[in-house]
PDB file of N, CA and C in Angstrom:
ATOM      1  N   MET A   1       0.918  -1.397  -0.081  1.00  0.00           N
ATOM      2  CA  MET A   1       0.464  -0.058   0.153  1.00  0.00           C
ATOM      3  C   MET A   1       0.978   1.366  -0.055  1.00  0.00           C
ATOM      4  N   VAL A   2       0.406   1.923  -1.066  1.00  0.00           N
ATOM      5  CA  VAL A   2       1.422   3.670  -1.148  1.00  0.00           C
ATOM      6  C   VAL A   2       0.825   4.336  -0.047  1.00  0.00           C
ATOM      7  N   THR A   3       1.507   4.985   0.737  1.00  0.00           N
ATOM      8  CA  THR A   3       0.962   5.959   1.844  1.00  0.00           C
ATOM      9  C   THR A   3       1.162   7.633   0.651  1.00  0.00           C
ATOM     10  N   GLY A   4       0.545   8.585   1.904  1.00  0.00           N
ATOM     11  CA  GLY A   4       0.563   9.547   1.196  1.00  0.00           C
ATOM     12  C   GLY A   4       1.447  10.521   0.693  1.00  0.00           C
ATOM     13  N   ILE A   5       2.684  10.338   1.644  1.00  0.00           N
ATOM     14  CA  ILE A   5       4.433  10.690   1.059  1.00  0.00           C
ATOM     15  C   ILE A   5       4.639   9.741   0.155  1.00  0.00           C
ATOM     16  N   GLU A   6       4.360   8.763   0.281  1.00  0.00           N
ATOM     17  CA  GLU A   6       5.428   8.056  -1.091  1.00  0.00           C
ATOM     18  C   GLU A   6       4.342   8.420  -2.410  1.00  0.00           C
ATOM     19  N   ASN A   7       2.887   8.604  -2.668  1.00  0.00           N
ATOM     20  CA  ASN A   7       2.241   9.065  -3.502  1.00  0.00           C
ATOM     21  C   ASN A   7       2.907   9.994  -4.112  1.00  0.00           C
ATOM     22  N   ARG A   8       2.571  10.853  -3.344  1.00  0.00           N
ATOM     23  CA  ARG A   8       3.551  12.254  -3.728  1.00  0.00           C
ATOM     24  C   ARG A   8       5.043  12.507  -4.004  1.00  0.00           C
ATOM     25  N   CYS A   9       5.771  11.963  -3.613  1.00  0.00           N
ATOM     26  CA  CYS A   9       6.628  11.591  -4.104  1.00  0.00           C
ATOM     27  C   CYS A   9       6.954  10.999  -5.195  1.00  0.00           C
ATOM     28  N   LEU A  10       6.083   9.911  -5.755  1.00  0.00           N
ATOM     29  CA  LEU A  10       6.142   8.988  -7.063  1.00  0.00           C
ATOM     30  C   LEU A  10       5.883   9.901  -7.817  1.00  0.00           C
ATOM     31  N   ASN A  11       4.379  10.742  -7.946  1.00  0.00           N
ATOM     32  CA  ASN A  11       4.595  11.756  -8.539  1.00  0.00           C
ATOM     33  C   ASN A  11       4.818  13.143  -8.841  1.00  0.00           C
ATOM     34  N   ASP A  12       5.544  13.653  -8.106  1.00  0.00           N
ATOM     35  CA  ASP A  12       6.477  14.801  -7.995  1.00  0.00           C
ATOM     36  C   ASP A  12       6.869  15.034  -9.419  1.00  0.00           C
ATOM     37  N   VAL A  13       6.673  16.187  -9.947  1.00  0.00           N
ATOM     38  CA  VAL A  13       7.612  16.433 -11.270  1.00  0.00           C
ATOM     39  C   VAL A  13       8.878  16.639 -10.967  1.00  0.00           C
ATOM     40  N   ASN A  14       9.829  17.124 -10.071  1.00  0.00           N
ATOM     41  CA  ASN A  14      11.072  17.336 -10.067  1.00  0.00           C
ATOM     42  C   ASN A  14      11.256  16.098  -9.498  1.00  0.00           C
ATOM     43  N   THR A  15      10.821  15.288  -8.749  1.00  0.00           N
ATOM     44  CA  THR A  15      11.522  13.802  -8.797  1.00  0.00           C
ATOM     45  C   THR A  15      11.504  13.021  -9.696  1.00  0.00           C
ATOM     46  N   LYS A  16      10.694  13.070 -10.712  1.00  0.00           N
ATOM     47  CA  LYS A  16      10.440  12.633 -11.833  1.00  0.00           C
ATOM     48  C   LYS A  16      11.603  12.750 -12.771  1.00  0.00           C
ATOM     49  N   LEU A  17      12.198  14.039 -12.811  1.00  0.00           N
ATOM     50  CA  LEU A  17      13.348  15.141 -13.420  1.00  0.00           C
ATOM     51  C   LEU A  17      14.324  14.310 -12.929  1.00  0.00           C
ATOM     52  N   ARG A  18      14.550  14.325 -11.321  1.00  0.00           N
ATOM     53  CA  ARG A  18      15.762  13.564 -11.272  1.00  0.00           C
ATOM     54  C   ARG A  18      16.011  12.302 -11.298  1.00  0.00           C
ATOM     55  N   LYS A  19      15.093  11.610 -11.520  1.00  0.00           N
ATOM     56  CA  LYS A  19      15.303   9.830 -11.586  1.00  0.00           C
ATOM     57  C   LYS A  19      15.192   9.856 -13.443  1.00  0.00           C
ATOM     58  N   LYS A  20      15.044  11.171 -14.035  1.00  0.00           N
ATOM     59  CA  LYS A  20      15.392  10.547 -15.082  1.00  0.00           C
ATOM     60  C   LYS A  20      16.937  10.527 -15.758  1.00  0.00           C
ATOM     61  N   TYR A  21      17.565  10.920 -14.753  1.00  0.00           N
ATOM     62  CA  TYR A  21      19.040  11.481 -14.942  1.00  0.00           C
ATOM     63  C   TYR A  21      19.662  10.307 -13.704  1.00  0.00           C
ATOM     64  N   ASP A  22      18.814   9.111 -13.506  1.00  0.00           N
ATOM     65  CA  ASP A  22      19.773   8.486 -12.429  1.00  0.00           C
ATOM     66  C   ASP A  22      21.131   8.161 -11.914  1.00  0.00           C
ATOM     67  N   LEU A  23      21.596   8.186 -12.828  1.00  0.00           N
ATOM     68  CA  LEU A  23      23.040   8.055 -12.537  1.00  0.00           C
ATOM     69  C   LEU A  23      24.033   8.416 -11.400  1.00  0.00           C
ATOM     70  N   TYR A  24      23.166   9.718 -11.071  1.00  0.00           N
ATOM     71  CA  TYR A  24      23.164  10.486  -9.817  1.00  0.00           C
ATOM     72  C   TYR A  24      22.314   9.994  -8.600  1.00  0.00           C
ATOM     73  N   TYR A  25      21.529   8.923  -8.650  1.00  0.00           N
ATOM     74  CA  TYR A  25      20.837   8.370  -7.493  1.00  0.00           C
ATOM     75  C   TYR A  25      20.794   6.741  -7.074  1.00  0.00           C
ATOM     76  N   HIS A  26      22.349   6.639  -7.015  1.00  0.00           N
ATOM     77  CA  HIS A  26      22.049   4.820  -6.913  1.00  0.00           C
ATOM     78  C   HIS A  26      22.558   4.821  -5.344  1.00  0.00           C
ATOM     79  N   SER A  27      21.997   3.930  -4.854  1.00  0.00           N
ATOM     80  CA  SER A  27      22.002   2.931  -3.296  1.00  0.00           C
ATOM     81  C   SER A  27      23.157   2.071  -3.654  1.00  0.00           C
ATOM     82  N   PHE A  28      24.311   2.039  -2.761  1.00  0.00           N
ATOM     83  CA  PHE A  28      25.167   1.168  -2.891  1.00  0.00           C
ATOM     84  C   PHE A  28      25.022   0.104  -2.354  1.00  0.00           C
ATOM     85  N   GLU A  29      25.716  -0.986  -2.447  1.00  0.00           N
ATOM     86  CA  GLU A  29      25.356  -2.528  -2.040  1.00  0.00           C
ATOM     87  C   GLU A  29      26.141  -2.631  -0.386  1.00  0.00           C
ATOM     88  N   LYS A  30      27.297  -1.666  -0.716  1.00  0.00           N
ATOM     89  CA  LYS A  30      27.976  -1.609   1.123  1.00  0.00           C
ATOM     90  C   LYS A  30      28.889  -0.806   0.800  1.00  0.00           C
ATOM     91  N   GLN A  31      29.393  -0.320   1.828  1.00  0.00           N
ATOM     92  CA  GLN A  31      30.650   0.787   1.505  1.00  0.00           C
ATOM     93  C   GLN A  31      32.074   0.372   2.786  1.00  0.00           C
ATOM     94  N   LYS A  32      32.724   0.391   2.801  1.00  0.00           N
ATOM     95  CA  LYS A  32      34.119   0.375   3.755  1.00  0.00           C
ATOM     96  C   LYS A  32      35.412   1.174   3.155  1.00  0.00           C
ATOM     97  N   GLY A  33      34.924   2.437   4.425  1.00  0.00           N
ATOM     98  CA  GLY A  33      35.935   3.302   4.132  1.00  0.00           C
ATOM     99  C   GLY A  33      35.395   4.371   3.023  1.00  0.00           C
ATOM    100  N   SER A  34      36.287   4.796   2.402  1.00  0.00           N
ATOM    101  CA  SER A  34      35.826   5.355   0.762  1.00  0.00           C
ATOM    102  C   SER A  34      35.428   4.347  -0.089  1.00  0.00           C
ATOM    103  N   HIS A  35      35.926   2.881   0.020  1.00  0.00           N
ATOM    104  CA  HIS A  35      35.198   2.090  -0.952  1.00  0.00           C
ATOM    105  C   HIS A  35      33.612   1.774  -1.232  1.00  0.00           C
ATOM    106  N   VAL A  36      33.318   1.882  -2.153  1.00  0.00           N
ATOM    107  CA  VAL A  36      31.630   1.358  -2.488  1.00  0.00           C
ATOM    108  C   VAL A  36      31.425   0.540  -2.885  1.00  0.00           C
ATOM    109  N   TRP A  37      30.648  -0.484  -3.201  1.00  0.00           N
ATOM    110  CA  TRP A  37      30.113  -1.668  -4.026  1.00  0.00           C
ATOM    111  C   TRP A  37      28.264  -1.285  -4.944  1.00  0.00           C
ATOM    112  N   LEU A  38      28.695  -1.377  -6.222  1.00  0.00           N
ATOM    113  CA  LEU A  38      27.637  -1.121  -6.954  1.00  0.00           C
ATOM    114  C   LEU A  38      27.298  -2.173  -7.857  1.00  0.00           C
ATOM    115  N   ASN A  39      26.064  -2.952  -8.217  1.00  0.00           N
ATOM    116  CA  ASN A  39      26.205  -3.758  -8.906  1.00  0.00           C
ATOM    117  C   ASN A  39      27.401  -5.160  -9.121  1.00  0.00           C
ATOM    118  N   GLY A  40      28.121  -4.966  -7.847  1.00  0.00           N
ATOM    119  CA  GLY A  40      29.148  -6.315  -7.691  1.00  0.00           C
ATOM    120  C   GLY A  40      30.565  -5.627  -7.880  1.00  0.00           C
ATOM    121  N   LYS A  41      30.857  -4.248  -8.195  1.00  0.00           N
ATOM    122  CA  LYS A  41      31.782  -3.857  -8.611  1.00  0.00           C
ATOM    123  C   LYS A  41      32.003  -2.909  -8.051  1.00  0.00           C
ATOM    124  N   GLU A  42      33.462  -2.822  -7.115  1.00  0.00           N
ATOM    125  CA  GLU A  42      34.051  -1.978  -6.246  1.00  0.00           C
ATOM    126  C   GLU A  42      34.597  -0.519  -6.926  1.00  0.00           C
ATOM    127  N   TYR A  43      34.211   0.433  -6.179  1.00  0.00           N
ATOM    128  CA  TYR A  43      34.831   2.126  -6.636  1.00  0.00           C
ATOM    129  C   TYR A  43      35.249   2.411  -5.596  1.00  0.00           C
ATOM    130  N   ILE A  44      35.871   3.539  -5.855  1.00  0.00           N
ATOM    131  CA  ILE A  44      36.528   4.505  -4.291  1.00  0.00           C
ATOM    132  C   ILE A  44      35.631   5.692  -4.797  1.00  0.00           C
ATOM    133  N   LEU A  45      35.230   6.007  -3.592  1.00  0.00           N
ATOM    134  CA  LEU A  45      34.206   7.151  -3.786  1.00  0.00           C
ATOM    135  C   LEU A  45      34.897   8.599  -3.178  1.00  0.00           C
ATOM    136  N   LEU A  46      34.612   9.375  -4.143  1.00  0.00           N
ATOM    137  CA  LEU A  46      35.548  10.492  -4.149  1.00  0.00           C
ATOM    138  C   LEU A  46      34.413  11.897  -3.851  1.00  0.00           C
ATOM    139  N   ASN A  47      33.245  11.500  -4.223  1.00  0.00           N
ATOM    140  CA  ASN A  47      32.443  12.947  -4.622  1.00  0.00           C
ATOM    141  C   ASN A  47      31.315  13.008  -3.791  1.00  0.00           C
ATOM    142  N   SER A  48      31.491  12.550  -2.206  1.00  0.00           N
ATOM    143  CA  SER A  48      30.985  13.020  -0.958  1.00  0.00           C
ATOM    144  C   SER A  48      31.212  13.040   0.391  1.00  0.00           C
ATOM    145  N   ASN A  49      30.186  13.859   1.286  1.00  0.00           N
ATOM    146  CA  ASN A  49      31.233  14.579   2.439  1.00  0.00           C
ATOM    147  C   ASN A  49      31.612  13.684   3.219  1.00  0.00           C
ATOM    148  N   ASP A  50      31.748  12.473   2.796  1.00  0.00           N
ATOM    149  CA  ASP A  50      32.226  10.965   3.579  1.00  0.00           C
ATOM    150  C   ASP A  50      33.356  10.320   2.545  1.00  0.00           C
ATOM    151  N   TYR A  51      33.893  10.991   2.151  1.00  0.00           N
ATOM    152  CA  TYR A  51      35.050  10.624   0.603  1.00  0.00           C
ATOM    153  C   TYR A  51      36.239  10.005   1.487  1.00  0.00           C
ATOM    154  N   LEU A  52      36.510  10.526   2.560  1.00  0.00           N
ATOM    155  CA  LEU A  52      37.741  10.243   3.739  1.00  0.00           C
ATOM    156  C   LEU A  52      37.076   8.766   4.502  1.00  0.00           C
ATOM    157  N   GLY A  53      35.829   8.355   4.261  1.00  0.00           N
ATOM    158  CA  GLY A  53      35.483   7.208   4.940  1.00  0.00           C
ATOM    159  C   GLY A  53      35.607   7.247   6.822  1.00  0.00           C
ATOM    160  N   LEU A  54      35.706   8.381   6.797  1.00  0.00           N
ATOM    161  CA  LEU A  54      35.256   8.544   7.959  1.00  0.00           C
ATOM    162  C   LEU A  54      34.252   8.327   8.854  1.00  0.00           C
ATOM    163  N   GLY A  55      32.972   8.437   8.010  1.00  0.00           N
ATOM    164  CA  GLY A  55      31.955   7.882   8.844  1.00  0.00           C
ATOM    165  C   GLY A  55      31.442   6.943   9.663  1.00  0.00           C
ATOM    166  N   ASN A  56      32.388   5.859   9.220  1.00  0.00           N
ATOM    167  CA  ASN A  56      32.020   4.509   9.693  1.00  0.00           C
ATOM    168  C   ASN A  56      33.086   4.117  10.688  1.00  0.00           C
ATOM    169  N   HIS A  57      34.417   4.729  11.117  1.00  0.00           N
ATOM    170  CA  HIS A  57      35.258   4.912  11.986  1.00  0.00           C
ATOM    171  C   HIS A  57      34.983   4.681  13.443  1.00  0.00           C
ATOM    172  N   PRO A  58      35.328   3.607  13.833  1.00  0.00           N
ATOM    173  CA  PRO A  58      35.130   3.304  15.698  1.00  0.00           C
ATOM    174  C   PRO A  58      35.185   4.450  16.299  1.00  0.00           C
ATOM    175  N   LYS A  59      36.026   5.332  16.081  1.00  0.00           N
ATOM    176  CA  LYS A  59      36.631   6.584  17.135  1.00  0.00           C
ATOM    177  C   LYS A  59      35.556   7.405  17.087  1.00  0.00           C
ATOM    178  N   VAL A  60      35.101   7.397  15.461  1.00  0.00           N
ATOM    179  CA  VAL A  60      33.907   8.683  15.340  1.00  0.00           C
ATOM    180  C   VAL A  60      32.475   8.264  15.779  1.00  0.00           C
ATOM    181  N   ILE A  61      32.384   6.951  15.465  1.00  0.00           N
ATOM    182  CA  ILE A  61      31.096   6.742  16.143  1.00  0.00           C
ATOM    183  C   ILE A  61      31.340   6.704  17.594  1.00  0.00           C
ATOM    184  N   GLU A  62      32.100   6.161  18.337  1.00  0.00           N
ATOM    185  CA  GLU A  62      32.295   6.226  20.044  1.00  0.00           C
ATOM    186  C   GLU A  62      32.285   7.556  20.119  1.00  0.00           C
ATOM    187  N   ARG A  63      33.186   8.281  19.441  1.00  0.00           N
ATOM    188  CA  ARG A  63      32.611   9.726  20.243  1.00  0.00           C
ATOM    189  C   ARG A  63      30.994  10.301  20.097  1.00  0.00           C
ATOM    190  N   THR A  64      30.731  10.202  19.090  1.00  0.00           N
ATOM    191  CA  THR A  64      29.015  10.078  18.713  1.00  0.00           C
ATOM    192  C   THR A  64      28.313   9.631  19.921  1.00  0.00           C
ATOM    193  N   VAL A  65      28.350   8.565  20.217  1.00  0.00           N
ATOM    194  CA  VAL A  65      27.785   7.504  21.121  1.00  0.00           C
ATOM    195  C   VAL A  65      27.975   8.134  22.494  1.00  0.00           C
ATOM    196  N   GLU A  66      29.308   8.833  22.946  1.00  0.00           N
ATOM    197  CA  GLU A  66      29.275   9.549  23.901  1.00  0.00           C
ATOM    198  C   GLU A  66      28.665  11.084  24.055  1.00  0.00           C
ATOM    199  N   TYR A  67      28.853  12.036  22.657  1.00  0.00           N
ATOM    200  CA  TYR A  67      27.864  13.281  22.736  1.00  0.00           C
ATOM    201  C   TYR A  67      26.159  13.445  22.840  1.00  0.00           C
ATOM    202  N   ILE A  68      25.826  11.646  22.226  1.00  0.00           N
ATOM    203  CA  ILE A  68      24.573  11.828  22.161  1.00  0.00           C
ATOM    204  C   ILE A  68      24.006  11.270  23.703  1.00  0.00           C
ATOM    205  N   LYS A  69      25.100  10.840  24.197  1.00  0.00           N
ATOM    206  CA  LYS A  69      24.681  10.394  25.716  1.00  0.00           C
ATOM    207  C   LYS A  69      24.307  11.414  26.872  1.00  0.00           C
ATOM    208  N   LYS A  70      24.997  12.433  26.559  1.00  0.00           N
ATOM    209  CA  LYS A  70      25.395  13.630  27.260  1.00  0.00           C
ATOM    210  C   LYS A  70      24.044  14.441  26.968  1.00  0.00           C
TER     211      LYS A  70
END
């Protein structure tokens, strides 16, 4: 069953236009550091705000959890 927000997104003109150029809107299968996998092929991610792969670094996660608990 499609919800109201899903229906709105599916029928939104701007969303349809963006999906026309779907090469920019892929979901990666997995990410390890700055390496990502798409359709079974490994790539180096250089164009995101996490291009260094620090988003999954254990110390970054640990400090984030500590901050949230405060």
